[in-house]
Amino acid sequence: MFEAFGTEGLELFTWIVAGLLGLVAALVATHVLTVVNEDKEEEADERHVH
């Protein structure tokens, strides 16, 4: 009984955790890229001013 239920539940749990980790990783990557791009734009603006 435990084998049949445990394996299925564990597999579902693994997919949920993997999905959440992927989502968090995507959000972090998007945030980092956005911040880096903003920094580059600010540097470009400063160069134009001076």
N, C-alpha and C. Protein backbone atom coordinates (compact mmCIF):
# COMPACT_ATOMS: atom_id res chain seq x y z
N MET A 1 0.83 -1.20 0.00
CA MET A 1 0.00 0.00 0.00
C MET A 1 0.87 1.25 0.00
N PHE A 2 1.88 1.30 0.85
CA PHE A 2 2.72 2.49 0.92
C PHE A 2 3.48 2.70 -0.38
N GLU A 3 3.95 1.62 -0.97
CA GLU A 3 4.70 1.72 -2.23
C GLU A 3 3.86 2.42 -3.30
N ALA A 4 2.64 1.92 -3.52
CA ALA A 4 1.79 2.46 -4.58
C ALA A 4 1.45 3.93 -4.31
N PHE A 5 1.08 4.22 -3.07
CA PHE A 5 0.71 5.60 -2.75
C PHE A 5 1.92 6.50 -2.62
N GLY A 6 2.93 6.01 -1.91
CA GLY A 6 4.12 6.81 -1.65
C GLY A 6 4.80 7.27 -2.92
N THR A 7 4.98 6.37 -3.85
CA THR A 7 5.68 6.70 -5.09
C THR A 7 4.91 7.76 -5.87
N GLU A 8 3.61 7.58 -5.99
CA GLU A 8 2.79 8.52 -6.74
C GLU A 8 2.79 9.89 -6.08
N GLY A 9 2.61 9.90 -4.77
CA GLY A 9 2.60 11.17 -4.03
C GLY A 9 3.94 11.86 -4.12
N LEU A 10 5.00 11.09 -4.01
CA LEU A 10 6.35 11.66 -4.06
C LEU A 10 6.62 12.25 -5.44
N GLU A 11 6.18 11.57 -6.48
CA GLU A 11 6.38 12.05 -7.83
C GLU A 11 5.65 13.38 -8.04
N LEU A 12 4.40 13.45 -7.57
CA LEU A 12 3.63 14.69 -7.68
C LEU A 12 4.31 15.81 -6.90
N PHE A 13 4.73 15.49 -5.68
CA PHE A 13 5.42 16.46 -4.84
C PHE A 13 6.69 16.97 -5.53
N THR A 14 7.42 16.05 -6.15
CA THR A 14 8.66 16.42 -6.85
C THR A 14 8.37 17.38 -7.99
N TRP A 15 7.32 17.10 -8.76
CA TRP A 15 6.96 17.99 -9.88
C TRP A 15 6.55 19.37 -9.38
N ILE A 16 5.80 19.39 -8.26
CA ILE A 16 5.37 20.68 -7.70
C ILE A 16 6.58 21.49 -7.25
N VAL A 17 7.48 20.84 -6.52
CA VAL A 17 8.69 21.52 -6.04
C VAL A 17 9.54 21.99 -7.22
N ALA A 18 9.70 21.14 -8.21
CA ALA A 18 10.50 21.50 -9.39
C ALA A 18 9.87 22.70 -10.10
N GLY A 19 8.55 22.71 -10.20
CA GLY A 19 7.85 23.83 -10.85
C GLY A 19 8.03 25.12 -10.07
N LEU A 20 7.93 25.04 -8.75
CA LEU A 20 8.10 26.24 -7.93
C LEU A 20 9.53 26.76 -8.02
N LEU A 21 10.50 25.84 -7.99
CA LEU A 21 11.90 26.25 -8.10
C LEU A 21 12.15 26.91 -9.46
N GLY A 22 11.56 26.35 -10.50
CA GLY A 22 11.70 26.93 -11.84
C GLY A 22 11.10 28.32 -11.90
N LEU A 23 9.94 28.47 -11.27
CA LEU A 23 9.27 29.77 -11.24
C LEU A 23 10.12 30.80 -10.50
N VAL A 24 10.64 30.41 -9.35
CA VAL A 24 11.48 31.31 -8.56
C VAL A 24 12.73 31.67 -9.35
N ALA A 25 13.35 30.69 -9.99
CA ALA A 25 14.56 30.94 -10.78
C ALA A 25 14.26 31.91 -11.92
N ALA A 26 13.10 31.75 -12.56
CA ALA A 26 12.72 32.64 -13.66
C ALA A 26 12.51 34.06 -13.15
N LEU A 27 11.86 34.20 -12.00
CA LEU A 27 11.63 35.53 -11.43
C LEU A 27 12.95 36.19 -11.05
N VAL A 28 13.86 35.42 -10.44
CA VAL A 28 15.16 35.97 -10.05
C VAL A 28 15.93 36.40 -11.29
N ALA A 29 15.95 35.56 -12.32
CA ALA A 29 16.67 35.88 -13.55
C ALA A 29 16.10 37.14 -14.19
N THR A 30 14.78 37.25 -14.23
CA THR A 30 14.13 38.43 -14.82
C THR A 30 14.50 39.68 -14.02
N HIS A 31 14.47 39.57 -12.70
CA HIS A 31 14.80 40.70 -11.83
C HIS A 31 16.24 41.14 -12.06
N VAL A 32 17.16 40.17 -12.10
CA VAL A 32 18.58 40.49 -12.29
C VAL A 32 18.79 41.16 -13.64
N LEU A 33 18.19 40.61 -14.69
CA LEU A 33 18.35 41.21 -16.02
C LEU A 33 17.78 42.62 -16.07
N THR A 34 16.65 42.83 -15.42
CA THR A 34 16.02 44.16 -15.40
C THR A 34 16.93 45.16 -14.69
N VAL A 35 17.47 44.77 -13.55
CA VAL A 35 18.34 45.66 -12.79
C VAL A 35 19.60 45.97 -13.58
N VAL A 36 20.19 44.97 -14.22
CA VAL A 36 21.40 45.18 -15.02
C VAL A 36 21.12 46.12 -16.18
N ASN A 37 20.00 45.93 -16.85
CA ASN A 37 19.65 46.81 -17.96
C ASN A 37 19.42 48.24 -17.49
N GLU A 38 18.78 48.42 -16.34
CA GLU A 38 18.55 49.76 -15.81
C GLU A 38 19.88 50.43 -15.50
N ASP A 39 20.81 49.68 -14.92
CA ASP A 39 22.13 50.22 -14.61
C ASP A 39 22.84 50.67 -15.89
N LYS A 40 22.75 49.86 -16.93
CA LYS A 40 23.40 50.21 -18.20
C LYS A 40 22.78 51.48 -18.79
N GLU A 41 21.47 51.60 -18.69
CA GLU A 41 20.80 52.78 -19.22
C GLU A 41 21.20 54.03 -18.44
N GLU A 42 21.32 53.89 -17.11
CA GLU A 42 21.73 55.02 -16.28
C GLU A 42 23.15 55.45 -16.64
N GLU A 43 24.04 54.48 -16.83
CA GLU A 43 25.42 54.79 -17.20
C GLU A 43 25.45 55.49 -18.55
N ALA A 44 24.66 55.01 -19.49
CA ALA A 44 24.60 55.63 -20.83
C ALA A 44 24.09 57.06 -20.71
N ASP A 45 23.06 57.28 -19.88
CA ASP A 45 22.52 58.63 -19.70
C ASP A 45 23.58 59.55 -19.09
N GLU A 46 24.34 59.05 -18.11
CA GLU A 46 25.37 59.85 -17.47
C GLU A 46 26.45 60.23 -18.48
N ARG A 47 26.81 59.31 -19.35
CA ARG A 47 27.84 59.60 -20.36
C ARG A 47 27.36 60.71 -21.31
N HIS A 48 26.09 60.68 -21.66
CA HIS A 48 25.56 61.69 -22.57
C HIS A 48 25.52 63.08 -21.91
N VAL A 49 25.25 63.11 -20.64
CA VAL A 49 25.15 64.38 -19.91
C VAL A 49 26.53 65.03 -19.80
N HIS A 50 27.55 64.21 -19.47
CA HIS A 50 28.90 64.75 -19.31
C HIS A 50 29.48 64.86 -20.66
